[in-house]
Protein backbone atom coordinates (compact mmCIF):
# COMPACT_ATOMS: atom_id res chain seq x y z
CA MET A 1 0.00 0.00 0.00
CA LYS A 2 1.34 3.43 -0.94
CA MET A 3 1.48 5.62 2.14
CA PHE A 4 0.98 9.35 1.78
CA GLY A 5 3.44 11.21 4.00
CA LYS A 6 3.88 14.97 3.71
CA GLU A 7 6.10 14.81 0.63
CA GLU A 8 3.70 12.42 -1.14
CA VAL A 9 0.79 14.74 -0.30
CA LYS A 10 2.72 17.67 -1.80
CA VAL A 11 3.31 15.70 -5.03
CA PHE A 12 -0.33 14.56 -5.08
CA LEU A 13 -1.64 18.13 -4.78
CA LYS A 14 0.71 19.32 -7.54
CA GLU A 15 -0.36 16.47 -9.84
CA LYS A 16 -4.04 17.32 -9.23
CA GLY A 17 -3.37 21.00 -9.97
CA ILE A 18 -4.65 22.02 -6.55
CA PRO A 19 -3.22 25.31 -5.30
CA PHE A 20 -1.80 25.19 -1.80
CA ARG A 21 0.46 27.10 0.52
CA TRP A 22 3.05 25.02 2.37
CA VAL A 23 4.16 26.33 5.76
CA GLU A 24 6.83 24.49 7.73
CA HIS A 25 6.62 24.89 11.51
CA LYS A 26 7.60 23.10 14.68
CA ALA A 27 5.43 20.16 15.71
CA VAL A 28 2.26 21.17 17.55
CA TYR A 29 -0.22 18.85 19.19
CA THR A 30 -3.08 21.12 20.26
CA ILE A 31 -5.05 24.01 18.83
CA GLU A 32 -3.59 26.19 21.59
CA GLU A 33 -0.05 25.41 20.40
CA MET A 34 -1.16 26.16 16.83
CA GLU A 35 -2.52 29.55 17.93
CA GLU A 36 0.87 30.41 19.43
CA LEU A 37 2.44 30.05 15.98
CA GLY A 38 0.17 32.81 14.65
CA LEU A 39 -0.08 31.23 11.19
CA GLU A 40 -3.76 31.46 10.40
CA LYS A 41 -6.99 33.09 11.43
CA MET A 42 -8.68 30.72 13.87
CA GLU A 43 -11.96 30.56 11.94
CA GLU A 44 -10.06 29.21 8.93
CA THR A 45 -8.03 26.60 10.81
CA ALA A 46 -9.38 23.06 10.99
CA LYS A 47 -9.57 20.99 14.14
CA ASN A 48 -9.61 17.29 13.23
CA LEU A 49 -11.13 14.64 15.48
CA PHE A 50 -10.70 10.93 14.76
CA LEU A 51 -13.55 9.06 16.42
CA ARG A 52 -15.01 5.57 16.66
CA ASP A 53 -18.36 4.15 17.62
CA GLN A 54 -18.90 2.20 20.84
CA LYS A 55 -18.24 -1.17 19.19
CA GLY A 56 -15.18 0.08 17.29
CA LYS A 57 -16.62 -1.00 13.94
CA ASN A 58 -17.13 2.46 12.46
CA HIS A 59 -14.62 5.29 12.31
CA PHE A 60 -15.23 8.97 11.69
CA LEU A 61 -13.07 11.98 10.90
CA VAL A 62 -14.73 15.21 12.02
CA VAL A 63 -13.25 18.41 10.56
CA ILE A 64 -14.49 21.55 12.32
CA ARG A 65 -13.36 25.13 12.77
CA ALA A 66 -10.71 25.40 15.46
CA ASP A 67 -12.79 27.87 17.45
CA LYS A 68 -15.67 25.40 17.84
CA GLN A 69 -16.36 22.47 20.11
CA ALA A 70 -17.70 19.18 18.79
CA ASN A 71 -20.41 17.75 21.01
CA LEU A 72 -19.86 14.01 20.63
CA LYS A 73 -23.26 13.16 22.14
CA GLU A 74 -25.10 15.40 19.63
CA LEU A 75 -23.01 14.10 16.73
CA GLY A 76 -23.70 10.52 17.81
CA GLU A 77 -27.42 11.30 17.81
CA LYS A 78 -27.15 12.69 14.25
CA LEU A 79 -25.50 9.40 13.26
CA GLY A 80 -28.43 7.33 14.46
CA GLY A 81 -27.89 7.22 18.20
CA VAL A 82 -24.37 5.81 18.30
CA ARG A 83 -22.06 6.54 21.20
CA LEU A 84 -18.80 8.10 20.04
CA SER A 85 -15.37 8.28 21.61
CA PHE A 86 -11.89 9.19 20.46
CA ALA A 87 -10.15 6.43 18.56
CA SER A 88 -6.83 5.12 19.84
CA GLU A 89 -3.44 6.00 18.39
CA GLU A 90 -3.28 2.44 17.04
CA ARG A 91 -6.53 2.90 15.14
CA LEU A 92 -5.34 6.29 13.83
CA GLU A 93 -2.22 4.60 12.46
CA LYS A 94 -4.18 1.63 11.08
CA TYR A 95 -6.92 3.57 9.28
CA LEU A 96 -5.27 6.86 8.31
CA GLY A 97 -1.55 6.12 8.57
CA LEU A 98 -1.17 9.09 10.92
CA LYS A 99 0.39 9.78 14.31
CA LYS A 100 -1.23 11.56 17.24
CA GLY A 101 -1.10 15.32 16.70
CA ALA A 102 -0.93 15.00 12.90
CA VAL A 103 -4.59 14.28 12.11
CA THR A 104 -5.63 15.78 8.78
CA PRO A 105 -8.45 15.20 6.31
CA LEU A 106 -5.78 14.29 3.77
CA GLY A 107 -5.06 11.23 5.90
CA ILE A 108 -7.95 9.57 4.06
CA LEU A 109 -5.54 9.09 1.16
CA ASN A 110 -4.06 6.29 3.30
CA ASP A 111 -7.50 4.75 3.94
CA THR A 112 -7.40 2.21 1.10
CA ALA A 113 -10.62 0.53 2.29
CA CYS A 114 -12.43 3.92 2.41
CA ALA A 115 -13.72 2.86 5.83
CA VAL A 116 -13.55 6.27 7.52
CA LYS A 117 -16.60 8.51 7.20
CA VAL A 118 -15.73 12.21 6.97
CA PHE A 119 -17.83 15.03 8.41
CA LEU A 120 -16.95 18.59 7.41
CA ASP A 121 -18.08 21.76 9.19
CA ARG A 122 -20.49 23.62 6.90
CA ASP A 123 -18.76 26.93 7.75
CA PHE A 124 -15.74 25.86 5.68
CA LEU A 125 -17.83 26.01 2.51
CA GLU A 126 -17.68 29.82 2.73
CA LYS A 127 -13.87 29.92 2.90
CA GLU A 128 -11.45 30.10 -0.03
CA GLU A 129 -8.71 28.45 2.02
CA ILE A 130 -8.62 26.46 5.22
CA GLY A 131 -5.72 25.40 7.40
CA VAL A 132 -5.06 21.67 7.33
CA HIS A 133 -1.84 19.72 6.98
CA PRO A 134 -1.18 21.05 4.29
CA ASN A 135 -3.36 24.14 3.63
CA ASP A 136 -5.85 23.55 0.86
CA ASN A 137 -8.94 24.96 -0.81
CA THR A 138 -12.11 23.56 0.78
CA ALA A 139 -13.82 22.62 -2.47
CA ASP A 140 -10.70 20.82 -3.66
CA LEU A 141 -10.43 19.07 -0.31
CA MET A 142 -14.01 17.84 -0.62
CA GLN A 143 -13.34 16.61 -4.15
CA ILE A 144 -10.24 14.70 -3.01
CA ILE A 145 -12.27 12.94 -0.30
CA LYS A 146 -15.10 12.06 -2.70
CA GLU A 147 -12.79 10.90 -5.50
CA HIS A 148 -10.90 8.73 -3.04
CA GLY A 149 -14.18 6.98 -2.15
CA ASN A 150 -14.72 7.92 1.49
CA SER A 151 -18.19 9.06 2.48
CA LEU A 152 -18.43 12.80 3.16
CA GLU A 153 -21.16 14.79 4.86
CA VAL A 154 -21.29 18.50 5.59
CA LEU A 155 -22.76 19.33 9.01
CA SER A 156 -23.38 22.44 11.07
CA PHE A 157 -21.50 22.66 14.36
CA ALA A 158 -22.30 25.21 17.05
């Protein structure tokens, strides 16, 4: 299986003709650490949550604005009454080929089974550019997810 690390993602975006801005920075593991870097406006930066259902059979990637909170109980209700929790580092590695602190919607490129369901904050649809690893245009990001074969839904988050 071809794994998409940061250099492979850069090549992929170039091959697809997707404009992006690449910013190298020290490793950060929280939104608070990201804020300290002062790279982006908070409403344009994505917070990425990798979740699983109670039985561990379904996995979800929730991409919301960094200044918002995801209510896992409400999201679980929208998904048919499932109880959600954060997936383990082992599951993150297995399904998205990512390490803790490096969760990104582009991790779905490593999800060869297209098992992870993606949920995108509706507010990103109004933005020309959002901050993910790497920065990308929202519409292009949505197209990448759909073309790859993962399910994608756009939801409103408070």
